[in-house]
Protein backbone atom coordinates (compact mmCIF):
# COMPACT_ATOMS: atom_id res chain seq x y z
CA MET A 1 10.35 45.54 33.08
CA ALA A 2 6.66 45.57 32.19
CA VAL A 3 6.81 48.62 29.94
CA ASN A 4 3.74 47.54 27.98
CA LEU A 5 1.61 48.16 31.06
CA LEU A 6 2.33 51.87 30.67
CA ASP A 7 -0.08 51.93 27.74
CA GLU A 8 -3.10 50.74 29.75
CA ASP A 9 -6.05 53.14 30.07
CA ILE A 10 -6.34 52.64 33.83
CA LEU A 11 -3.55 51.57 36.18
CA LEU A 12 -3.88 50.92 39.90
CA LEU A 13 -1.38 52.20 42.43
CA ASP A 14 -0.77 50.74 45.85
CA GLY A 15 -1.87 52.49 49.06
CA GLY A 16 -0.46 54.08 52.19
CA LEU A 17 2.73 52.22 53.06
CA GLY A 18 3.65 53.94 56.32
CA THR A 19 0.14 53.99 57.75
CA THR A 20 -0.46 50.34 56.81
CA LEU A 21 2.75 49.42 58.60
CA GLU A 22 1.44 51.28 61.66
CA ASP A 23 -2.20 50.20 61.58
CA GLU A 24 -1.90 46.58 60.47
CA HIS A 25 1.61 45.55 61.54
CA GLY A 26 2.16 47.48 64.76
CA VAL A 27 5.18 49.42 63.51
CA LYS A 28 5.83 52.57 65.56
CA PHE A 29 7.29 55.70 64.00
CA SER A 30 8.53 58.75 65.90
CA SER A 31 11.07 61.55 65.71
CA GLU A 32 13.65 58.87 66.48
CA THR A 33 12.85 57.23 63.13
CA PRO A 34 13.19 60.21 60.74
CA LEU A 35 13.08 57.91 57.72
CA TRP A 36 9.55 56.70 58.59
CA SER A 37 8.65 53.82 56.26
CA SER A 38 12.16 53.92 54.79
CA HIS A 39 13.38 52.92 58.27
CA LEU A 40 12.31 49.36 57.49
CA LEU A 41 14.99 49.22 54.81
CA VAL A 42 17.41 49.27 57.74
CA GLU A 43 15.70 47.15 60.37
CA ASP A 44 12.80 45.08 59.01
CA THR A 45 12.79 44.34 55.29
CA ARG A 46 10.65 41.25 55.87
CA THR A 47 7.67 43.30 57.11
CA LEU A 48 8.21 45.93 54.42
CA LYS A 49 8.18 43.30 51.70
CA ALA A 50 5.09 41.64 53.21
CA VAL A 51 3.10 44.88 53.08
CA GLN A 52 4.14 45.69 49.52
CA HIS A 53 3.37 42.09 48.55
CA ASP A 54 -0.12 42.50 50.02
CA PHE A 55 -0.69 45.58 47.85
CA ALA A 56 0.46 43.70 44.75
CA ASP A 57 -1.81 40.78 45.59
CA ALA A 58 -4.69 43.23 46.11
CA GLY A 59 -4.41 44.24 42.46
CA ALA A 60 -1.94 47.12 42.36
CA ASP A 61 -0.27 47.44 38.96
CA ILE A 62 2.27 49.90 40.38
CA ILE A 63 4.25 49.53 43.59
CA ILE A 64 5.84 52.72 44.90
CA THR A 65 9.26 52.27 46.50
CA ALA A 66 9.86 52.82 50.22
CA THR A 67 11.95 55.92 49.56
CA TYR A 68 9.46 58.74 50.12
CA GLN A 69 11.29 60.18 53.15
CA ALA A 70 14.69 58.75 52.26
CA SER A 71 17.53 61.26 52.31
CA PHE A 72 21.16 61.16 53.32
CA ALA A 73 20.40 63.55 56.18
CA GLY A 74 17.64 61.24 57.40
CA PHE A 75 19.97 58.25 57.43
CA LYS A 76 22.65 60.29 59.19
CA ASN A 77 20.14 61.09 61.95
CA THR A 78 18.98 57.48 62.30
CA THR A 79 20.21 55.60 65.36
CA THR A 80 20.36 51.81 65.18
CA ILE A 81 21.40 49.20 67.73
CA ASP A 82 24.84 49.06 66.17
CA GLU A 83 25.62 52.65 65.33
CA GLU A 84 24.83 56.34 65.77
CA GLY A 85 23.87 57.47 62.30
CA ILE A 86 24.31 55.81 58.92
CA ASP A 87 26.95 57.12 56.54
CA LYS A 88 26.30 58.10 52.93
CA GLU A 89 27.62 54.96 51.26
CA GLU A 90 25.68 52.65 53.56
CA ALA A 91 22.58 54.81 53.12
CA ARG A 92 22.93 54.51 49.36
CA GLY A 93 22.86 50.72 49.70
CA TYR A 94 19.67 50.84 51.74
CA MET A 95 18.00 53.21 49.27
CA LEU A 96 18.87 50.98 46.33
CA SER A 97 17.54 47.93 48.14
CA ALA A 98 14.08 49.53 48.07
CA LEU A 99 14.04 49.17 44.29
CA ARG A 100 14.82 45.47 44.39
CA ILE A 101 12.24 44.82 47.11
CA ALA A 102 9.48 46.58 45.16
CA ARG A 103 10.28 44.55 42.04
CA GLU A 104 10.35 41.25 43.92
CA VAL A 105 6.83 41.57 45.36
CA PHE A 106 5.25 40.94 41.95
CA ASP A 107 6.63 37.36 42.06
CA GLY A 108 7.48 37.53 38.36
CA ARG A 109 4.05 38.84 37.34
CA PRO A 110 3.72 41.94 35.16
CA GLY A 111 3.98 45.02 37.32
CA LEU A 112 5.50 48.48 37.43
CA VAL A 113 7.84 49.99 40.00
CA ALA A 114 7.68 53.73 40.68
CA LEU A 115 10.58 55.45 42.43
CA SER A 116 9.10 57.56 45.22
CA LEU A 117 10.69 60.98 45.61
CA GLY A 118 8.78 62.85 48.28
CA ALA A 119 8.77 66.60 48.68
CA TYR A 120 11.74 68.21 50.42
CA GLY A 121 9.40 68.90 53.34
CA ALA A 122 8.89 65.16 53.84
CA THR A 123 12.50 64.89 54.98
CA MET A 124 12.19 67.66 57.60
CA ILE A 125 11.37 67.13 61.28
CA PRO A 126 8.56 67.79 61.79
CA SER A 127 7.55 67.19 58.20
CA THR A 128 6.36 70.24 56.26
CA GLU A 129 5.07 68.90 52.95
CA TYR A 130 1.54 69.94 53.98
CA SER A 131 2.58 73.53 54.67
CA GLY A 132 5.47 74.13 52.29
CA ALA A 133 7.28 75.95 55.10
CA TYR A 134 10.85 75.28 53.99
CA GLY A 135 12.60 78.17 55.68
CA ALA A 136 15.23 79.79 53.48
CA MET A 137 15.21 77.08 50.78
CA THR A 138 15.33 78.55 47.27
CA GLU A 139 14.29 76.98 43.99
CA GLU A 140 17.95 76.30 43.25
CA ASP A 141 18.32 74.60 46.64
CA LEU A 142 15.31 72.42 45.86
CA TYR A 143 16.75 71.53 42.48
CA ASN A 144 20.05 70.54 44.08
CA PHE A 145 18.26 68.46 46.73
CA HIS A 146 16.21 66.51 44.19
CA MET A 147 19.08 66.14 41.73
CA ASP A 148 21.40 64.83 44.43
CA ARG A 149 18.82 62.29 45.56
CA ILE A 150 17.81 60.99 42.14
CA SER A 151 21.48 60.71 41.12
CA THR A 152 21.82 58.06 43.81
CA PHE A 153 19.52 55.89 41.72
CA THR A 154 20.39 56.88 38.14
CA SER A 155 24.04 55.97 38.68
CA SER A 156 23.22 52.48 39.94
CA GLU A 157 22.69 49.05 38.43
CA GLU A 158 19.29 48.99 40.18
CA TRP A 159 18.05 51.85 37.99
CA LYS A 160 16.88 49.21 35.50
CA GLU A 161 14.27 48.09 38.03
CA ILE A 162 12.49 51.45 37.81
CA ASP A 163 9.66 52.01 35.33
CA LEU A 164 8.47 55.40 36.59
CA VAL A 165 9.68 58.28 38.73
CA ALA A 166 7.15 59.79 41.15
CA PHE A 167 7.57 63.29 42.60
CA GLU A 168 4.97 63.16 45.37
CA THR A 169 3.11 65.55 47.65
CA LEU A 170 4.72 68.72 46.32
CA PRO A 171 3.30 71.79 48.13
CA ARG A 172 5.12 74.57 46.27
CA ILE A 173 5.25 75.68 42.68
CA ASP A 174 8.99 76.34 42.84
CA GLU A 175 9.45 72.69 43.80
CA VAL A 176 7.38 71.67 40.76
CA ARG A 177 9.72 73.75 38.60
CA ALA A 178 12.73 72.17 40.30
CA ALA A 179 11.40 68.66 39.62
CA ARG A 180 10.78 69.54 35.96
CA LYS A 181 14.34 70.84 35.67
CA VAL A 182 15.75 67.67 37.25
CA MET A 183 13.92 65.49 34.72
CA LEU A 184 15.41 67.40 31.80
CA GLY A 185 18.51 65.36 32.57
CA VAL A 186 16.74 62.04 33.22
CA VAL A 187 15.06 61.41 29.90
CA ASP A 188 15.02 57.60 29.97
CA LYS A 189 12.14 57.26 32.45
CA PRO A 190 8.57 58.61 32.37
CA TYR A 191 7.61 60.53 35.48
CA TRP A 192 4.71 62.06 37.31
CA ILE A 193 4.26 65.07 39.54
CA SER A 194 1.50 65.05 42.14
CA CYS A 195 0.68 67.90 44.49
CA VAL A 196 -1.08 68.18 47.81
CA PHE A 197 -4.12 70.36 48.54
CA PRO A 198 -4.60 70.23 52.33
CA ASN A 199 -6.65 73.41 52.76
CA ASP A 200 -10.30 74.19 52.08
CA ASP A 201 -9.53 75.97 48.81
CA GLN A 202 -8.05 74.76 45.53
CA LYS A 203 -4.62 76.24 46.11
CA LEU A 204 -1.27 74.75 46.94
CA PRO A 205 -0.02 75.45 50.47
CA ASP A 206 2.20 78.19 48.98
CA GLY A 207 -0.90 79.95 47.61
CA SER A 208 -0.42 79.01 43.94
CA GLY A 209 -3.61 78.43 41.97
CA ILE A 210 -4.39 75.55 39.63
CA ASP A 211 -4.08 77.58 36.41
CA GLU A 212 -0.48 78.49 37.24
CA LEU A 213 0.23 74.98 38.51
CA VAL A 214 -1.02 73.17 35.41
CA SER A 215 0.92 75.55 33.19
CA THR A 216 4.09 74.98 35.23
CA MET A 217 3.58 71.22 35.13
CA LEU A 218 3.08 70.98 31.37
CA LYS A 219 4.82 73.77 29.46
CA GLY A 220 8.30 73.13 28.09
CA GLU A 221 10.37 70.10 27.17
CA GLU A 222 10.22 66.66 28.78
CA SER A 223 6.78 67.19 30.28
CA PRO A 224 5.43 64.63 32.76
CA TRP A 225 3.87 61.31 31.79
CA ALA A 226 1.18 62.11 34.38
CA ILE A 227 0.16 64.96 36.67
CA GLY A 228 -2.26 65.11 39.53
CA ILE A 229 -3.06 65.00 43.21
CA ASN A 230 -2.14 62.90 46.22
CA CYS A 231 -2.47 62.90 50.01
CA THR A 232 -5.60 65.05 49.72
CA LYS A 233 -9.11 64.52 51.11
CA ILE A 234 -11.29 62.32 48.92
CA HIS A 235 -14.20 64.79 48.89
CA LYS A 236 -11.98 67.38 47.15
CA ILE A 237 -10.76 65.15 44.34
CA ASP A 238 -13.60 65.47 41.84
CA GLY A 239 -13.55 69.27 41.94
CA LEU A 240 -9.76 69.41 41.69
CA VAL A 241 -9.65 67.07 38.69
CA LYS A 242 -12.23 69.19 36.89
CA SER A 243 -10.24 72.33 37.71
CA PHE A 244 -7.11 70.75 36.22
CA GLU A 245 -9.08 70.02 33.06
CA ASP A 246 -10.49 73.55 32.92
CA ALA A 247 -7.04 75.08 33.41
CA ALA A 248 -5.57 73.03 30.56
CA ARG A 249 -8.47 73.97 28.31
CA ARG A 250 -8.09 77.68 29.04
CA ARG A 251 -4.39 77.53 28.23
CA THR A 252 -4.81 75.13 25.27
CA LEU A 253 -2.53 72.58 26.89
CA GLN A 254 -2.72 68.87 26.12
CA LEU A 255 -3.24 66.87 29.30
CA PRO A 256 -1.17 63.73 29.86
CA ARG A 257 -2.40 60.98 32.18
CA LEU A 258 -4.10 61.81 35.44
CA VAL A 259 -2.55 60.45 38.62
CA VAL A 260 -4.76 60.61 41.68
CA TYR A 261 -4.29 58.93 45.04
CA PRO A 262 -6.15 60.59 47.91
CA ASP A 263 -5.86 59.64 51.54
CA GLY A 264 -8.32 57.33 53.22
CA ALA A 265 -8.45 59.11 56.56
CA GLY A 266 -12.01 60.38 56.27
CA GLY A 267 -12.38 63.40 58.52
CA LYS A 268 -9.07 62.83 60.29
CA VAL A 269 -6.04 65.00 59.55
CA TYR A 270 -2.39 64.40 60.35
CA ASP A 271 -0.90 66.62 63.05
CA THR A 272 2.81 66.93 62.21
CA LYS A 273 3.70 68.10 65.73
CA LEU A 274 1.78 65.36 67.54
CA GLN A 275 2.75 62.90 64.78
CA ASP A 276 -0.73 61.41 64.96
CA TRP A 277 -4.09 61.45 63.17
CA ILE A 278 -6.71 63.58 64.90
CA GLY A 279 -10.39 64.26 64.27
CA ASP A 280 -13.40 62.11 63.45
CA ASP A 281 -13.90 59.71 60.56
CA GLY A 282 -17.62 60.41 60.46
CA ASP A 283 -20.13 58.73 58.19
CA GLN A 284 -19.30 58.95 54.52
CA THR A 285 -19.61 57.09 51.26
CA PRO A 286 -16.95 54.36 51.08
CA TRP A 287 -13.60 55.62 49.84
CA GLU A 288 -13.39 53.20 46.94
CA GLU A 289 -16.89 54.13 45.76
CA GLN A 290 -16.09 57.84 45.70
CA LEU A 291 -12.80 57.29 43.90
CA SER A 292 -14.15 54.86 41.31
CA ASP A 293 -16.85 57.43 40.50
CA VAL A 294 -14.12 60.03 39.89
CA VAL A 295 -12.34 57.59 37.58
CA SER A 296 -15.49 56.77 35.62
CA GLU A 297 -16.54 60.38 35.18
CA SER A 298 -13.02 61.53 34.27
CA LYS A 299 -12.77 58.78 31.68
CA GLN A 300 -16.13 59.77 30.20
CA ARG A 301 -15.07 63.41 29.82
CA GLY A 302 -12.07 62.20 27.81
CA ALA A 303 -9.62 64.96 28.72
CA TRP A 304 -6.85 62.63 29.93
CA LYS A 305 -4.71 60.10 28.04
CA GLY A 306 -5.23 57.61 30.85
CA ILE A 307 -5.73 57.40 34.61
CA VAL A 308 -3.44 56.16 37.38
CA VAL A 309 -5.38 55.72 40.61
CA GLY A 310 -4.69 54.44 44.09
CA GLY A 311 -4.41 55.48 47.70
CA CYS A 312 -2.22 57.49 50.04
CA CYS A 313 -2.21 57.69 53.85
CA LYS A 314 -4.62 55.39 55.70
CA THR A 315 -5.44 53.29 52.63
CA THR A 316 -4.77 49.58 53.01
CA PRO A 317 -4.55 46.56 50.71
CA GLY A 318 -8.25 46.11 51.44
CA HIS A 319 -9.02 49.54 50.00
CA ILE A 320 -7.03 48.76 46.85
CA ARG A 321 -8.70 45.37 46.42
CA ARG A 322 -12.17 46.91 46.67
CA LEU A 323 -11.18 49.75 44.33
CA ARG A 324 -9.93 47.22 41.77
CA GLN A 325 -13.20 45.31 42.00
CA ARG A 326 -15.30 48.43 41.45
CA ILE A 327 -13.23 49.66 38.51
CA GLU A 328 -13.28 46.25 36.84
CA ALA A 329 -17.03 45.97 37.36
CA ALA A 330 -17.53 49.36 35.70
CA SER A 331 -15.38 48.58 32.66
């Protein structure tokens, strides 16, 4: 594993796996494929590996595994040509294969693999990680969900392939607490927590503000290696990053690394019921230019130990290549 890379000031993430599969490779997702990008672990590992390879070739230092929506319930509800539903043991094999695939795309070059653990809402149909509407789920339920899922990996030989654990797109503060509690028992891997801010304000979908969020993310033992924002509109990122810094300052908390990977959808938003992107892209400053400016300014302010930056939905290997070029030109 390329552990020394973890000490770099700036690390580049990959981009939007599922949307790149759709937009550039013609893959179709629907309610019949509840695993979304993880579905390719079952039916098309060649295309999955090709896309992740493209992100690595574009300059990504970190490849995120194709496990964002992966859950035993999702596999159970997946119909293939050969069978109605995939049992737990077979599902475990598919989930572990994602770790090997992500490692292989670096072709022996230095690179980091991050285990993607999406929000509980990402496994629901329709997905609810943008709303946090989880029904009767309690914090204890969320803890049990995340602990059960990560245990699939920690108990395996493939666990050695993982450099980082990524809790992604969390919309609720109780889910942040649950993730923190899970990682109290997984002390051999650094991890990050990134949250989603889909509304016009600077609050999580559950209404929690940034002061409370930053405190919840950082106080206590085994705090994250990085905290931040993903799957959020690019125009919101600069203000959110500054608000994270202000919240830490007010509460005299030491910030770790910043992780930030906004979507590249412009003015479009994802409709979970239609399962499609709606709205207008509109004219705007290029995504990579906006994001590289956030990186430069955040680095100048000096509040973070380092920056991990990349893309989420609708960002392609082309976006990551151009982002890498801009960041290298500025350094």
